[in-house]
Amino acid sequence: MRVSKESSPITRVKCIVNTCEYWDKGEHCLASSIEIQPQDASDTEETDCATFRPKH
C-alpha cells in the first residue's frame, strides 16, 4: 500500500512507532490513510499496520 505523507496528522490515531516515515512528534501519524491487518485478527497481538514504511 502506497500512501502520501500529509502535513496534518490523522488526529484520532495515536502512533508511537518513531521509526516509521509517517510518524510525527506528539505520537501522530502523517499518512494520508492507514491500513490495519489481517482481516481475521482475534486480538491486539495479531494486528499490524500495513502502512508502515521505515524512515530513511
PDB file of N, CA and C in Angstrom:
ATOM      1  N   MET A   1       0.851  -1.184   0.000  1.00  0.00           N
ATOM      2  CA  MET A   1       0.000   0.000   0.000  1.00  0.00           C
ATOM      3  C   MET A   1       0.892   1.243   0.000  1.00  0.00           C
ATOM      4  N   ARG A   2       0.720   2.105  -0.963  1.00  0.00           N
ATOM      5  CA  ARG A   2       1.467   3.355  -1.035  1.00  0.00           C
ATOM      6  C   ARG A   2       0.537   4.502  -0.715  1.00  0.00           C
ATOM      7  N   VAL A   3       0.922   5.316   0.241  1.00  0.00           N
ATOM      8  CA  VAL A   3       0.129   6.486   0.614  1.00  0.00           C
ATOM      9  C   VAL A   3       1.049   7.699   0.626  1.00  0.00           C
ATOM     10  N   SER A   4       0.454   8.860   0.557  1.00  0.00           N
ATOM     11  CA  SER A   4       1.259  10.079   0.595  1.00  0.00           C
ATOM     12  C   SER A   4       1.428  10.544   2.041  1.00  0.00           C
ATOM     13  N   LYS A   5       2.458  11.353   2.250  1.00  0.00           N
ATOM     14  CA  LYS A   5       2.708  11.929   3.568  1.00  0.00           C
ATOM     15  C   LYS A   5       2.059  13.301   3.611  1.00  0.00           C
ATOM     16  N   GLU A   6       1.212  13.519   4.584  1.00  0.00           N
ATOM     17  CA  GLU A   6       0.462  14.764   4.717  1.00  0.00           C
ATOM     18  C   GLU A   6       1.167  15.716   5.682  1.00  0.00           C
ATOM     19  N   SER A   7       0.764  16.975   5.686  1.00  0.00           N
ATOM     20  CA  SER A   7       1.324  17.938   6.631  1.00  0.00           C
ATOM     21  C   SER A   7       0.533  17.973   7.939  1.00  0.00           C
ATOM     22  N   SER A   8      -0.710  17.509   7.899  1.00  0.00           N
ATOM     23  CA  SER A   8      -1.549  17.455   9.092  1.00  0.00           C
ATOM     24  C   SER A   8      -1.752  15.996   9.502  1.00  0.00           C
ATOM     25  N   PRO A   9      -1.684  15.692  10.811  1.00  0.00           N
ATOM     26  CA  PRO A   9      -1.831  14.318  11.265  1.00  0.00           C
ATOM     27  C   PRO A   9      -3.274  13.817  11.235  1.00  0.00           C
ATOM     28  N   ILE A  10      -3.408  12.497  11.275  1.00  0.00           N
ATOM     29  CA  ILE A  10      -4.709  11.864  11.498  1.00  0.00           C
ATOM     30  C   ILE A  10      -4.929  11.997  13.007  1.00  0.00           C
ATOM     31  N   THR A  11      -5.753  12.925  13.409  1.00  0.00           N
ATOM     32  CA  THR A  11      -5.828  13.306  14.822  1.00  0.00           C
ATOM     33  C   THR A  11      -6.388  12.233  15.751  1.00  0.00           C
ATOM     34  N   ARG A  12      -7.165  11.315  15.240  1.00  0.00           N
ATOM     35  CA  ARG A  12      -7.742  10.289  16.110  1.00  0.00           C
ATOM     36  C   ARG A  12      -6.904   9.020  16.163  1.00  0.00           C
ATOM     37  N   VAL A  13      -5.734   9.042  15.527  1.00  0.00           N
ATOM     38  CA  VAL A  13      -4.837   7.888  15.517  1.00  0.00           C
ATOM     39  C   VAL A  13      -3.592   8.228  16.322  1.00  0.00           C
ATOM     40  N   LYS A  14      -3.264   7.382  17.300  1.00  0.00           N
ATOM     41  CA  LYS A  14      -2.040   7.536  18.081  1.00  0.00           C
ATOM     42  C   LYS A  14      -1.024   6.529  17.556  1.00  0.00           C
ATOM     43  N   CYS A  15       0.149   7.002  17.204  1.00  0.00           N
ATOM     44  CA  CYS A  15       1.212   6.123  16.725  1.00  0.00           C
ATOM     45  C   CYS A  15       2.479   6.402  17.520  1.00  0.00           C
ATOM     46  N   ILE A  16       3.064   5.358  18.095  1.00  0.00           N
ATOM     47  CA  ILE A  16       4.297   5.520  18.869  1.00  0.00           C
ATOM     48  C   ILE A  16       5.516   4.928  18.157  1.00  0.00           C
ATOM     49  N   VAL A  17       5.352   4.508  16.915  1.00  0.00           N
ATOM     50  CA  VAL A  17       6.440   3.876  16.156  1.00  0.00           C
ATOM     51  C   VAL A  17       7.283   4.964  15.493  1.00  0.00           C
ATOM     52  N   ASN A  18       8.283   5.474  16.222  1.00  0.00           N
ATOM     53  CA  ASN A  18       9.070   6.604  15.724  1.00  0.00           C
ATOM     54  C   ASN A  18      10.067   6.223  14.635  1.00  0.00           C
ATOM     55  N   THR A  19      10.101   4.976  14.230  1.00  0.00           N
ATOM     56  CA  THR A  19      10.954   4.546  13.122  1.00  0.00           C
ATOM     57  C   THR A  19      10.190   4.521  11.797  1.00  0.00           C
ATOM     58  N   CYS A  20       8.922   4.933  11.813  1.00  0.00           N
ATOM     59  CA  CYS A  20       8.089   4.962  10.612  1.00  0.00           C
ATOM     60  C   CYS A  20       8.200   6.319   9.924  1.00  0.00           C
ATOM     61  N   GLU A  21       8.240   6.304   8.608  1.00  0.00           N
ATOM     62  CA  GLU A  21       8.309   7.532   7.809  1.00  0.00           C
ATOM     63  C   GLU A  21       7.140   8.475   8.095  1.00  0.00           C
ATOM     64  N   TYR A  22       5.980   7.952   8.467  1.00  0.00           N
ATOM     65  CA  TYR A  22       4.775   8.758   8.679  1.00  0.00           C
ATOM     66  C   TYR A  22       4.615   9.253  10.114  1.00  0.00           C
ATOM     67  N   TRP A  23       5.487   8.819  11.024  1.00  0.00           N
ATOM     68  CA  TRP A  23       5.399   9.230  12.433  1.00  0.00           C
ATOM     69  C   TRP A  23       5.780  10.692  12.568  1.00  0.00           C
ATOM     70  N   ASP A  24       5.094  11.397  13.490  1.00  0.00           N
ATOM     71  CA  ASP A  24       5.411  12.785  13.783  1.00  0.00           C
ATOM     72  C   ASP A  24       5.386  12.983  15.286  1.00  0.00           C
ATOM     73  N   LYS A  25       6.145  13.945  15.770  1.00  0.00           N
ATOM     74  CA  LYS A  25       6.191  14.215  17.211  1.00  0.00           C
ATOM     75  C   LYS A  25       4.787  14.366  17.780  1.00  0.00           C
ATOM     76  N   GLY A  26       4.628  13.997  19.024  1.00  0.00           N
ATOM     77  CA  GLY A  26       3.319  14.019  19.656  1.00  0.00           C
ATOM     78  C   GLY A  26       2.547  12.739  19.389  1.00  0.00           C
ATOM     79  N   GLU A  27       3.255  11.729  18.866  1.00  0.00           N
ATOM     80  CA  GLU A  27       2.663  10.418  18.581  1.00  0.00           C
ATOM     81  C   GLU A  27       1.547  10.497  17.545  1.00  0.00           C
ATOM     82  N   HIS A  28       1.803  11.254  16.481  1.00  0.00           N
ATOM     83  CA  HIS A  28       0.843  11.419  15.397  1.00  0.00           C
ATOM     84  C   HIS A  28       1.278  10.668  14.146  1.00  0.00           C
ATOM     85  N   CYS A  29       0.312  10.355  13.299  1.00  0.00           N
ATOM     86  CA  CYS A  29       0.551   9.698  12.018  1.00  0.00           C
ATOM     87  C   CYS A  29       0.251  10.691  10.898  1.00  0.00           C
ATOM     88  N   LEU A  30       1.225  10.878   9.997  1.00  0.00           N
ATOM     89  CA  LEU A  30       1.054  11.807   8.880  1.00  0.00           C
ATOM     90  C   LEU A  30       0.690  11.116   7.572  1.00  0.00           C
ATOM     91  N   ALA A  31       0.371   9.830   7.619  1.00  0.00           N
ATOM     92  CA  ALA A  31      -0.056   9.126   6.407  1.00  0.00           C
ATOM     93  C   ALA A  31      -1.415   9.661   5.965  1.00  0.00           C
ATOM     94  N   SER A  32      -1.652   9.670   4.672  1.00  0.00           N
ATOM     95  CA  SER A  32      -2.940  10.151   4.154  1.00  0.00           C
ATOM     96  C   SER A  32      -4.068   9.183   4.502  1.00  0.00           C
ATOM     97  N   SER A  33      -3.725   7.923   4.713  1.00  0.00           N
ATOM     98  CA  SER A  33      -4.680   6.901   5.160  1.00  0.00           C
ATOM     99  C   SER A  33      -3.870   5.771   5.768  1.00  0.00           C
ATOM    100  N   ILE A  34      -4.522   4.904   6.528  1.00  0.00           N
ATOM    101  CA  ILE A  34      -3.825   3.772   7.126  1.00  0.00           C
ATOM    102  C   ILE A  34      -4.575   2.478   6.837  1.00  0.00           C
ATOM    103  N   GLU A  35      -3.828   1.387   6.839  1.00  0.00           N
ATOM    104  CA  GLU A  35      -4.426   0.067   6.672  1.00  0.00           C
ATOM    105  C   GLU A  35      -3.918  -0.828   7.790  1.00  0.00           C
ATOM    106  N   ILE A  36      -4.855  -1.381   8.557  1.00  0.00           N
ATOM    107  CA  ILE A  36      -4.531  -2.312   9.638  1.00  0.00           C
ATOM    108  C   ILE A  36      -4.994  -3.690   9.202  1.00  0.00           C
ATOM    109  N   GLN A  37      -4.157  -4.693   9.413  1.00  0.00           N
ATOM    110  CA  GLN A  37      -4.488  -6.056   9.001  1.00  0.00           C
ATOM    111  C   GLN A  37      -3.967  -7.062  10.011  1.00  0.00           C
ATOM    112  N   PRO A  38      -4.306  -8.330   9.930  1.00  0.00           N
ATOM    113  CA  PRO A  38      -5.129  -9.009   8.945  1.00  0.00           C
ATOM    114  C   PRO A  38      -6.615  -8.926   9.271  1.00  0.00           C
ATOM    115  N   GLN A  39      -7.409  -9.274   8.302  1.00  0.00           N
ATOM    116  CA  GLN A  39      -8.866  -9.198   8.437  1.00  0.00           C
ATOM    117  C   GLN A  39      -9.385 -10.102   9.545  1.00  0.00           C
ATOM    118  N   ASP A  40      -8.772 -11.263   9.737  1.00  0.00           N
ATOM    119  CA  ASP A  40      -9.285 -12.241  10.697  1.00  0.00           C
ATOM    120  C   ASP A  40      -8.577 -12.216  12.050  1.00  0.00           C
ATOM    121  N   ALA A  41      -7.958 -11.089  12.430  1.00  0.00           N
ATOM    122  CA  ALA A  41      -7.281 -10.986  13.724  1.00  0.00           C
ATOM    123  C   ALA A  41      -8.281 -11.194  14.855  1.00  0.00           C
ATOM    124  N   SER A  42      -7.823 -11.873  15.906  1.00  0.00           N
ATOM    125  CA  SER A  42      -8.719 -12.121  17.032  1.00  0.00           C
ATOM    126  C   SER A  42      -8.290 -11.400  18.305  1.00  0.00           C
ATOM    127  N   ASP A  43      -7.108 -10.770  18.297  1.00  0.00           N
ATOM    128  CA  ASP A  43      -6.690  -9.942  19.429  1.00  0.00           C
ATOM    129  C   ASP A  43      -5.641  -8.923  18.971  1.00  0.00           C
ATOM    130  N   THR A  44      -5.291  -8.012  19.841  1.00  0.00           N
ATOM    131  CA  THR A  44      -4.374  -6.921  19.527  1.00  0.00           C
ATOM    132  C   THR A  44      -3.031  -7.423  19.012  1.00  0.00           C
ATOM    133  N   GLU A  45      -2.524  -8.466  19.603  1.00  0.00           N
ATOM    134  CA  GLU A  45      -1.208  -9.014  19.230  1.00  0.00           C
ATOM    135  C   GLU A  45      -1.145  -9.464  17.767  1.00  0.00           C
ATOM    136  N   GLU A  46      -2.264  -9.764  17.167  1.00  0.00           N
ATOM    137  CA  GLU A  46      -2.298 -10.251  15.791  1.00  0.00           C
ATOM    138  C   GLU A  46      -2.434  -9.139  14.757  1.00  0.00           C
ATOM    139  N   THR A  47      -2.613  -7.912  15.184  1.00  0.00           N
ATOM    140  CA  THR A  47      -2.814  -6.820  14.227  1.00  0.00           C
ATOM    141  C   THR A  47      -1.489  -6.197  13.800  1.00  0.00           C
ATOM    142  N   ASP A  48      -1.493  -5.552  12.635  1.00  0.00           N
ATOM    143  CA  ASP A  48      -0.288  -4.989  12.054  1.00  0.00           C
ATOM    144  C   ASP A  48      -0.662  -3.770  11.211  1.00  0.00           C
ATOM    145  N   CYS A  49       0.163  -2.729  11.268  1.00  0.00           N
ATOM    146  CA  CYS A  49      -0.054  -1.555  10.429  1.00  0.00           C
ATOM    147  C   CYS A  49       0.639  -1.783   9.088  1.00  0.00           C
ATOM    148  N   ALA A  50      -0.144  -2.022   8.057  1.00  0.00           N
ATOM    149  CA  ALA A  50       0.394  -2.275   6.722  1.00  0.00           C
ATOM    150  C   ALA A  50       0.907  -0.993   6.070  1.00  0.00           C
ATOM    151  N   THR A  51       0.625   0.157   6.648  1.00  0.00           N
ATOM    152  CA  THR A  51       1.054   1.448   6.121  1.00  0.00           C
ATOM    153  C   THR A  51       2.508   1.740   6.490  1.00  0.00           C
ATOM    154  N   PHE A  52       3.036   1.073   7.492  1.00  0.00           N
ATOM    155  CA  PHE A  52       4.393   1.315   7.985  1.00  0.00           C
ATOM    156  C   PHE A  52       5.432   1.312   6.865  1.00  0.00           C
ATOM    157  N   ARG A  53       6.269   2.348   6.855  1.00  0.00           N
ATOM    158  CA  ARG A  53       7.421   2.429   5.967  1.00  0.00           C
ATOM    159  C   ARG A  53       8.596   2.910   6.818  1.00  0.00           C
ATOM    160  N   PRO A  54       9.733   2.224   6.772  1.00  0.00           N
ATOM    161  CA  PRO A  54      10.883   2.650   7.576  1.00  0.00           C
ATOM    162  C   PRO A  54      11.372   4.037   7.172  1.00  0.00           C
ATOM    163  N   LYS A  55      11.815   4.817   8.169  1.00  0.00           N
ATOM    164  CA  LYS A  55      12.404   6.131   7.878  1.00  0.00           C
ATOM    165  C   LYS A  55      13.708   5.939   7.130  1.00  0.00           C
ATOM    166  N   HIS A  56      14.007   6.854   6.256  1.00  0.00           N
ATOM    167  CA  HIS A  56      15.276   6.806   5.511  1.00  0.00           C
ATOM    168  C   HIS A  56      16.259   7.784   6.080  1.00  0.00           C
TER     169      HIS A  56
END
